[in-house]
Amino acid sequence: QVQLVESGGGLVQPGGSLRLSCAASGIIFSRYAMGWY
């Protein structure tokens, strides 16, 4: 099963930082261009 699971969001003050992650399953991940939207 092809699936994308995003995580890492939250509430942050202006000027702050966050790191988002997206785990993909069900595809040969290394073959494809990926994007954040």
All heavy atoms as atom14 arrays in JSON, in Angstrom:
{
  "sequence": "QVQLVESGGGLVQPGGSLRLSCAASGIIFSRYAMGWY",
  "atom14_mask": [
    [1, 1, 1, 1, 1, 1, 1, 1, 1, 0, 0, 0, 0, 0],
    [1, 1, 1, 1, 1, 1, 1, 0, 0, 0, 0, 0, 0, 0],
    [1, 1, 1, 1, 1, 1, 1, 1, 1, 0, 0, 0, 0, 0],
    [1, 1, 1, 1, 1, 1, 1, 1, 0, 0, 0, 0, 0, 0],
    [1, 1, 1, 1, 1, 1, 1, 0, 0, 0, 0, 0, 0, 0],
    [1, 1, 1, 1, 1, 1, 1, 1, 1, 0, 0, 0, 0, 0],
    [1, 1, 1, 1, 1, 1, 0, 0, 0, 0, 0, 0, 0, 0],
    [1, 1, 1, 1, 0, 0, 0, 0, 0, 0, 0, 0, 0, 0],
    [1, 1, 1, 1, 0, 0, 0, 0, 0, 0, 0, 0, 0, 0],
    [1, 1, 1, 1, 0, 0, 0, 0, 0, 0, 0, 0, 0, 0],
    [1, 1, 1, 1, 1, 1, 1, 1, 0, 0, 0, 0, 0, 0],
    [1, 1, 1, 1, 1, 1, 1, 0, 0, 0, 0, 0, 0, 0],
    [1, 1, 1, 1, 1, 1, 1, 1, 1, 0, 0, 0, 0, 0],
    [1, 1, 1, 1, 1, 1, 1, 0, 0, 0, 0, 0, 0, 0],
    [1, 1, 1, 1, 0, 0, 0, 0, 0, 0, 0, 0, 0, 0],
    [1, 1, 1, 1, 0, 0, 0, 0, 0, 0, 0, 0, 0, 0],
    [1, 1, 1, 1, 1, 1, 0, 0, 0, 0, 0, 0, 0, 0],
    [1, 1, 1, 1, 1, 1, 1, 1, 0, 0, 0, 0, 0, 0],
    [1, 1, 1, 1, 1, 1, 1, 1, 1, 1, 1, 0, 0, 0],
    [1, 1, 1, 1, 1, 1, 1, 1, 0, 0, 0, 0, 0, 0],
    [1, 1, 1, 1, 1, 1, 0, 0, 0, 0, 0, 0, 0, 0],
    [1, 1, 1, 1, 1, 1, 0, 0, 0, 0, 0, 0, 0, 0],
    [1, 1, 1, 1, 1, 0, 0, 0, 0, 0, 0, 0, 0, 0],
    [1, 1, 1, 1, 1, 0, 0, 0, 0, 0, 0, 0, 0, 0],
    [1, 1, 1, 1, 1, 1, 0, 0, 0, 0, 0, 0, 0, 0],
    [1, 1, 1, 1, 0, 0, 0, 0, 0, 0, 0, 0, 0, 0],
    [1, 1, 1, 1, 1, 1, 1, 1, 0, 0, 0, 0, 0, 0],
    [1, 1, 1, 1, 1, 1, 1, 1, 0, 0, 0, 0, 0, 0],
    [1, 1, 1, 1, 1, 1, 1, 1, 1, 1, 1, 0, 0, 0],
    [1, 1, 1, 1, 1, 1, 0, 0, 0, 0, 0, 0, 0, 0],
    [1, 1, 1, 1, 1, 1, 1, 1, 1, 1, 1, 0, 0, 0],
    [1, 1, 1, 1, 1, 1, 1, 1, 1, 1, 1, 1, 0, 0],
    [1, 1, 1, 1, 1, 0, 0, 0, 0, 0, 0, 0, 0, 0],
    [1, 1, 1, 1, 1, 1, 1, 1, 0, 0, 0, 0, 0, 0],
    [1, 1, 1, 1, 0, 0, 0, 0, 0, 0, 0, 0, 0, 0],
    [1, 1, 1, 1, 1, 1, 1, 1, 1, 1, 1, 1, 1, 1],
    [1, 1, 1, 1, 1, 1, 1, 1, 1, 1, 1, 1, 0, 0]
  ],
  "atom14_positions": [
    [[0.85, -1.2, 0.0], [0.0, 0.0, 0.0], [0.88, 1.24, 0.0], [1.78, 1.38, 0.82], [-0.91, -0.01, 1.22], [-1.84, 1.18, 1.29], [-2.72, 1.16, 2.53], [-2.62, 0.25, 3.34], [-3.56, 2.16, 2.68], [0.0, 0.0, 0.0], [0.0, 0.0, 0.0], [0.0, 0.0, 0.0], [0.0, 0.0, 0.0], [0.0, 0.0, 0.0]],
    [[0.59, 2.15, -0.92], [1.35, 3.39, -1.01], [0.82, 4.37, 0.04], [-0.38, 4.62, 0.13], [1.21, 3.99, -2.41], [1.98, 5.29, -2.48], [1.73, 3.01, -3.46], [0.0, 0.0, 0.0], [0.0, 0.0, 0.0], [0.0, 0.0, 0.0], [0.0, 0.0, 0.0], [0.0, 0.0, 0.0], [0.0, 0.0, 0.0], [0.0, 0.0, 0.0]],
    [[1.73, 4.92, 0.81], [1.3, 5.8, 1.9], [2.35, 6.85, 2.19], [3.56, 6.6, 2.08], [1.05, 4.97, 3.16], [0.35, 5.72, 4.27], [0.02, 4.81, 5.45], [0.58, 3.72, 5.6], [-0.91, 5.24, 6.28], [0.0, 0.0, 0.0], [0.0, 0.0, 0.0], [0.0, 0.0, 0.0], [0.0, 0.0, 0.0], [0.0, 0.0, 0.0]],
    [[1.89, 8.04, 2.53], [2.74, 9.15, 2.97], [2.28, 9.58, 4.34], [1.09, 9.82, 4.54], [2.65, 10.31, 1.99], [3.06, 10.03, 0.55], [2.61, 11.15, -0.37], [4.57, 9.85, 0.46], [0.0, 0.0, 0.0], [0.0, 0.0, 0.0], [0.0, 0.0, 0.0], [0.0, 0.0, 0.0], [0.0, 0.0, 0.0], [0.0, 0.0, 0.0]],
    [[3.21, 9.71, 5.27], [2.86, 10.12, 6.63], [3.75, 11.29, 7.03], [4.96, 11.13, 7.2], [3.01, 8.96, 7.63], [2.66, 9.44, 9.03], [2.13, 7.79, 7.23], [0.0, 0.0, 0.0], [0.0, 0.0, 0.0], [0.0, 0.0, 0.0], [0.0, 0.0, 0.0], [0.0, 0.0, 0.0], [0.0, 0.0, 0.0], [0.0, 0.0, 0.0]],
    [[3.14, 12.45, 7.18], [3.85, 13.66, 7.58], [3.82, 13.83, 9.09], [2.83, 13.45, 9.74], [3.23, 14.9, 6.92], [3.22, 14.87, 5.41], [1.94, 14.31, 4.81], [1.15, 13.67, 5.55], [1.71, 14.5, 3.6], [0.0, 0.0, 0.0], [0.0, 0.0, 0.0], [0.0, 0.0, 0.0], [0.0, 0.0, 0.0], [0.0, 0.0, 0.0]],
    [[4.87, 14.42, 9.63], [4.94, 14.68, 11.07], [5.89, 15.84, 11.34], [6.62, 16.27, 10.43], [5.41, 13.43, 11.82], [6.72, 13.07, 11.41], [0.0, 0.0, 0.0], [0.0, 0.0, 0.0], [0.0, 0.0, 0.0], [0.0, 0.0, 0.0], [0.0, 0.0, 0.0], [0.0, 0.0, 0.0], [0.0, 0.0, 0.0], [0.0, 0.0, 0.0]],
    [[5.85, 16.34, 12.56], [6.8, 17.36, 12.97], [6.24, 18.76, 13.1], [6.94, 19.69, 13.5], [0.0, 0.0, 0.0], [0.0, 0.0, 0.0], [0.0, 0.0, 0.0], [0.0, 0.0, 0.0], [0.0, 0.0, 0.0], [0.0, 0.0, 0.0], [0.0, 0.0, 0.0], [0.0, 0.0, 0.0], [0.0, 0.0, 0.0], [0.0, 0.0, 0.0]],
    [[4.98, 18.93, 12.75], [4.38, 20.26, 12.85], [4.13, 20.65, 14.3], [4.35, 19.87, 15.22], [0.0, 0.0, 0.0], [0.0, 0.0, 0.0], [0.0, 0.0, 0.0], [0.0, 0.0, 0.0], [0.0, 0.0, 0.0], [0.0, 0.0, 0.0], [0.0, 0.0, 0.0], [0.0, 0.0, 0.0], [0.0, 0.0, 0.0], [0.0, 0.0, 0.0]],
    [[3.68, 21.89, 14.46], [3.38, 22.37, 15.8], [3.19, 23.86, 15.82], [3.09, 24.51, 14.78], [0.0, 0.0, 0.0], [0.0, 0.0, 0.0], [0.0, 0.0, 0.0], [0.0, 0.0, 0.0], [0.0, 0.0, 0.0], [0.0, 0.0, 0.0], [0.0, 0.0, 0.0], [0.0, 0.0, 0.0], [0.0, 0.0, 0.0], [0.0, 0.0, 0.0]],
    [[3.14, 24.4, 17.03], [3.0, 25.83, 17.25], [4.37, 26.41, 17.57], [5.07, 25.91, 18.47], [2.03, 26.09, 18.41], [1.89, 27.53, 18.88], [1.31, 28.41, 17.78], [1.01, 27.58, 20.13], [0.0, 0.0, 0.0], [0.0, 0.0, 0.0], [0.0, 0.0, 0.0], [0.0, 0.0, 0.0], [0.0, 0.0, 0.0], [0.0, 0.0, 0.0]],
    [[4.74, 27.45, 16.86], [6.05, 28.07, 17.06], [5.91, 29.58, 16.93], [5.03, 30.08, 16.21], [7.08, 27.5, 16.04], [6.68, 27.84, 14.61], [8.48, 27.95, 16.35], [0.0, 0.0, 0.0], [0.0, 0.0, 0.0], [0.0, 0.0, 0.0], [0.0, 0.0, 0.0], [0.0, 0.0, 0.0], [0.0, 0.0, 0.0], [0.0, 0.0, 0.0]],
    [[6.75, 30.29, 17.63], [6.74, 31.75, 17.56], [7.43, 32.22, 16.29], [8.29, 31.52, 15.74], [7.43, 32.34, 18.77], [6.68, 32.14, 20.07], [7.33, 32.87, 21.23], [8.5, 33.24, 21.18], [6.57, 33.07, 22.29], [0.0, 0.0, 0.0], [0.0, 0.0, 0.0], [0.0, 0.0, 0.0], [0.0, 0.0, 0.0], [0.0, 0.0, 0.0]],
    [[7.09, 33.4, 15.81], [7.8, 33.97, 14.65], [9.3, 33.99, 14.92], [9.74, 34.31, 16.03], [7.23, 35.38, 14.55], [5.85, 35.26, 15.11], [5.97, 34.27, 16.23], [0.0, 0.0, 0.0], [0.0, 0.0, 0.0], [0.0, 0.0, 0.0], [0.0, 0.0, 0.0], [0.0, 0.0, 0.0], [0.0, 0.0, 0.0], [0.0, 0.0, 0.0]],
    [[10.07, 33.6, 13.9], [11.51, 33.5, 14.04], [11.99, 32.13, 14.47], [13.2, 31.86, 14.44], [0.0, 0.0, 0.0], [0.0, 0.0, 0.0], [0.0, 0.0, 0.0], [0.0, 0.0, 0.0], [0.0, 0.0, 0.0], [0.0, 0.0, 0.0], [0.0, 0.0, 0.0], [0.0, 0.0, 0.0], [0.0, 0.0, 0.0], [0.0, 0.0, 0.0]],
    [[11.08, 31.28, 14.85], [11.43, 29.95, 15.32], [11.68, 28.97, 14.19], [11.63, 29.33, 13.0], [0.0, 0.0, 0.0], [0.0, 0.0, 0.0], [0.0, 0.0, 0.0], [0.0, 0.0, 0.0], [0.0, 0.0, 0.0], [0.0, 0.0, 0.0], [0.0, 0.0, 0.0], [0.0, 0.0, 0.0], [0.0, 0.0, 0.0], [0.0, 0.0, 0.0]],
    [[11.93, 27.72, 14.57], [12.25, 26.67, 13.6], [11.44, 25.41, 13.88], [11.05, 25.14, 15.02], [13.74, 26.31, 13.69], [14.57, 27.41, 13.36], [0.0, 0.0, 0.0], [0.0, 0.0, 0.0], [0.0, 0.0, 0.0], [0.0, 0.0, 0.0], [0.0, 0.0, 0.0], [0.0, 0.0, 0.0], [0.0, 0.0, 0.0], [0.0, 0.0, 0.0]],
    [[11.22, 24.67, 12.82], [10.61, 23.34, 12.9], [11.24, 22.46, 11.84], [11.69, 22.96, 10.8], [9.09, 23.39, 12.66], [8.18, 23.88, 13.78], [6.76, 24.02, 13.26], [8.24, 22.98, 14.98], [0.0, 0.0, 0.0], [0.0, 0.0, 0.0], [0.0, 0.0, 0.0], [0.0, 0.0, 0.0], [0.0, 0.0, 0.0], [0.0, 0.0, 0.0]],
    [[11.24, 21.16, 12.1], [11.69, 20.2, 11.1], [10.58, 19.2, 10.84], [10.17, 18.47, 11.74], [12.93, 19.45, 11.57], [13.57, 18.58, 10.49], [14.58, 17.63, 11.08], [15.42, 17.02, 10.07], [16.04, 15.84, 10.23], [15.91, 15.18, 11.35], [16.8, 15.38, 9.26], [0.0, 0.0, 0.0], [0.0, 0.0, 0.0], [0.0, 0.0, 0.0]],
    [[10.1, 19.2, 9.61], [9.05, 18.27, 9.22], [9.66, 17.01, 8.6], [10.71, 17.07, 7.96], [8.12, 18.93, 8.2], [7.5, 20.26, 8.59], [6.53, 20.72, 7.49], [6.83, 20.21, 9.93], [0.0, 0.0, 0.0], [0.0, 0.0, 0.0], [0.0, 0.0, 0.0], [0.0, 0.0, 0.0], [0.0, 0.0, 0.0], [0.0, 0.0, 0.0]],
    [[8.97, 15.91, 8.79], [9.38, 14.64, 8.19], [8.22, 14.04, 7.42], [7.06, 14.24, 7.79], [9.82, 13.64, 9.28], [10.91, 14.12, 10.02], [0.0, 0.0, 0.0], [0.0, 0.0, 0.0], [0.0, 0.0, 0.0], [0.0, 0.0, 0.0], [0.0, 0.0, 0.0], [0.0, 0.0, 0.0], [0.0, 0.0, 0.0], [0.0, 0.0, 0.0]],
    [[8.55, 13.31, 6.38], [7.53, 12.6, 5.6], [8.07, 11.22, 5.27], [9.05, 11.09, 4.53], [7.2, 13.36, 4.33], [6.17, 12.43, 3.17], [0.0, 0.0, 0.0], [0.0, 0.0, 0.0], [0.0, 0.0, 0.0], [0.0, 0.0, 0.0], [0.0, 0.0, 0.0], [0.0, 0.0, 0.0], [0.0, 0.0, 0.0], [0.0, 0.0, 0.0]],
    [[7.42, 10.22, 5.83], [7.83, 8.84, 5.59], [6.96, 8.25, 4.5], [5.72, 8.29, 4.58], [7.69, 8.03, 6.87], [0.0, 0.0, 0.0], [0.0, 0.0, 0.0], [0.0, 0.0, 0.0], [0.0, 0.0, 0.0], [0.0, 0.0, 0.0], [0.0, 0.0, 0.0], [0.0, 0.0, 0.0], [0.0, 0.0, 0.0], [0.0, 0.0, 0.0]],
    [[7.59, 7.7, 3.49], [6.89, 7.09, 2.36], [7.01, 5.57, 2.43], [8.06, 5.05, 2.81], [7.46, 7.59, 1.04], [0.0, 0.0, 0.0], [0.0, 0.0, 0.0], [0.0, 0.0, 0.0], [0.0, 0.0, 0.0], [0.0, 0.0, 0.0], [0.0, 0.0, 0.0], [0.0, 0.0, 0.0], [0.0, 0.0, 0.0], [0.0, 0.0, 0.0]],
    [[5.95, 4.9, 2.06], [5.96, 3.45, 2.0], [5.23, 2.99, 0.76], [4.37, 3.71, 0.23], [5.32, 2.84, 3.25], [3.99, 3.29, 3.41], [0.0, 0.0, 0.0], [0.0, 0.0, 0.0], [0.0, 0.0, 0.0], [0.0, 0.0, 0.0], [0.0, 0.0, 0.0], [0.0, 0.0, 0.0], [0.0, 0.0, 0.0], [0.0, 0.0, 0.0]],
    [[5.6, 1.83, 0.26], [4.92, 1.28, -0.89], [5.46, 1.74, -2.23], [4.89, 1.41, -3.27], [0.0, 0.0, 0.0], [0.0, 0.0, 0.0], [0.0, 0.0, 0.0], [0.0, 0.0, 0.0], [0.0, 0.0, 0.0], [0.0, 0.0, 0.0], [0.0, 0.0, 0.0], [0.0, 0.0, 0.0], [0.0, 0.0, 0.0], [0.0, 0.0, 0.0]],
    [[6.53, 2.55, -2.21], [7.14, 2.98, -3.46], [8.65, 2.79, -3.37], [9.2, 2.69, -2.27], [6.84, 4.47, -3.78], [7.43, 5.39, -2.7], [5.35, 4.69, -3.94], [7.37, 6.86, -3.06], [0.0, 0.0, 0.0], [0.0, 0.0, 0.0], [0.0, 0.0, 0.0], [0.0, 0.0, 0.0], [0.0, 0.0, 0.0], [0.0, 0.0, 0.0]],
    [[9.31, 2.74, -4.54], [10.78, 2.71, -4.54], [11.22, 4.16, -4.43], [11.45, 4.85, -5.42], [11.32, 2.02, -5.81], [10.73, 0.61, -5.92], [12.84, 1.95, -5.75], [11.1, -0.13, -7.18], [0.0, 0.0, 0.0], [0.0, 0.0, 0.0], [0.0, 0.0, 0.0], [0.0, 0.0, 0.0], [0.0, 0.0, 0.0], [0.0, 0.0, 0.0]],
    [[11.3, 4.61, -3.2], [11.44, 6.03, -2.86], [12.6, 6.69, -3.59], [12.47, 7.81, -4.1], [11.63, 6.14, -1.35], [11.8, 7.53, -0.82], [10.7, 8.35, -0.63], [13.06, 8.02, -0.51], [10.85, 9.63, -0.14], [13.22, 9.29, -0.02], [12.11, 10.11, 0.17], [0.0, 0.0, 0.0], [0.0, 0.0, 0.0], [0.0, 0.0, 0.0]],
    [[13.72, 6.01, -3.67], [14.94, 6.63, -4.2], [14.82, 7.01, -5.68], [15.61, 7.82, -6.17], [16.12, 5.69, -4.0], [15.91, 4.46, -4.67], [0.0, 0.0, 0.0], [0.0, 0.0, 0.0], [0.0, 0.0, 0.0], [0.0, 0.0, 0.0], [0.0, 0.0, 0.0], [0.0, 0.0, 0.0], [0.0, 0.0, 0.0], [0.0, 0.0, 0.0]],
    [[13.85, 6.47, -6.36], [13.73, 6.72, -7.81], [13.02, 8.03, -8.13], [13.08, 8.5, -9.27], [12.94, 5.59, -8.47], [13.66, 4.27, -8.52], [12.84, 3.27, -9.3], [13.52, 1.99, -9.43], [12.99, 0.93, -10.01], [11.78, 0.99, -10.55], [13.67, -0.2, -10.08], [0.0, 0.0, 0.0], [0.0, 0.0, 0.0], [0.0, 0.0, 0.0]],
    [[12.35, 8.6, -7.15], [11.41, 9.69, -7.45], [11.79, 11.02, -6.84], [12.3, 11.09, -5.72], [10.02, 9.31, -6.97], [9.45, 8.1, -7.66], [9.44, 6.86, -7.04], [8.94, 8.2, -8.95], [8.94, 5.75, -7.68], [8.43, 7.08, -9.6], [8.43, 5.87, -8.96], [7.92, 4.77, -9.6], [0.0, 0.0, 0.0], [0.0, 0.0, 0.0]],
    [[11.46, 12.08, -7.59], [11.51, 13.41, -7.02], [10.35, 13.56, -6.04], [9.26, 13.05, -6.29], [11.4, 14.46, -8.13], [0.0, 0.0, 0.0], [0.0, 0.0, 0.0], [0.0, 0.0, 0.0], [0.0, 0.0, 0.0], [0.0, 0.0, 0.0], [0.0, 0.0, 0.0], [0.0, 0.0, 0.0], [0.0, 0.0, 0.0], [0.0, 0.0, 0.0]],
    [[10.61, 14.26, -4.95], [9.61, 14.47, -3.92], [9.45, 15.96, -3.66], [10.35, 16.76, -3.93], [10.02, 13.77, -2.62], [10.17, 12.26, -2.74], [8.59, 11.43, -3.04], [7.71, 11.76, -1.5], [0.0, 0.0, 0.0], [0.0, 0.0, 0.0], [0.0, 0.0, 0.0], [0.0, 0.0, 0.0], [0.0, 0.0, 0.0], [0.0, 0.0, 0.0]],
    [[8.31, 16.31, -3.1], [8.08, 17.72, -2.82], [7.3, 17.94, -1.53], [6.6, 17.04, -1.06], [0.0, 0.0, 0.0], [0.0, 0.0, 0.0], [0.0, 0.0, 0.0], [0.0, 0.0, 0.0], [0.0, 0.0, 0.0], [0.0, 0.0, 0.0], [0.0, 0.0, 0.0], [0.0, 0.0, 0.0], [0.0, 0.0, 0.0], [0.0, 0.0, 0.0]],
    [[7.48, 19.12, -1.0], [6.66, 19.6, 0.11], [5.7, 20.66, -0.42], [6.11, 21.53, -1.22], [7.51, 20.18, 1.23], [8.13, 19.16, 2.12], [9.4, 18.66, 2.05], [7.51, 18.5, 3.23], [9.6, 17.73, 3.05], [8.45, 17.62, 3.78], [6.24, 18.58, 3.81], [8.17, 16.81, 4.88], [5.96, 17.77, 4.9], [6.92, 16.9, 5.43]],
    [[4.48, 20.62, 0.06], [3.45, 21.55, -0.34], [2.77, 22.07, 0.93], [2.9, 21.48, 1.99], [2.39, 20.84, -1.22], [2.97, 20.19, -2.44], [3.62, 18.96, -2.36], [2.89, 20.81, -3.69], [4.16, 18.36, -3.48], [3.43, 20.22, -4.81], [4.06, 18.99, -4.7], [4.61, 18.41, -5.81], [0.0, 0.0, 0.0], [0.0, 0.0, 0.0]]
  ]
}
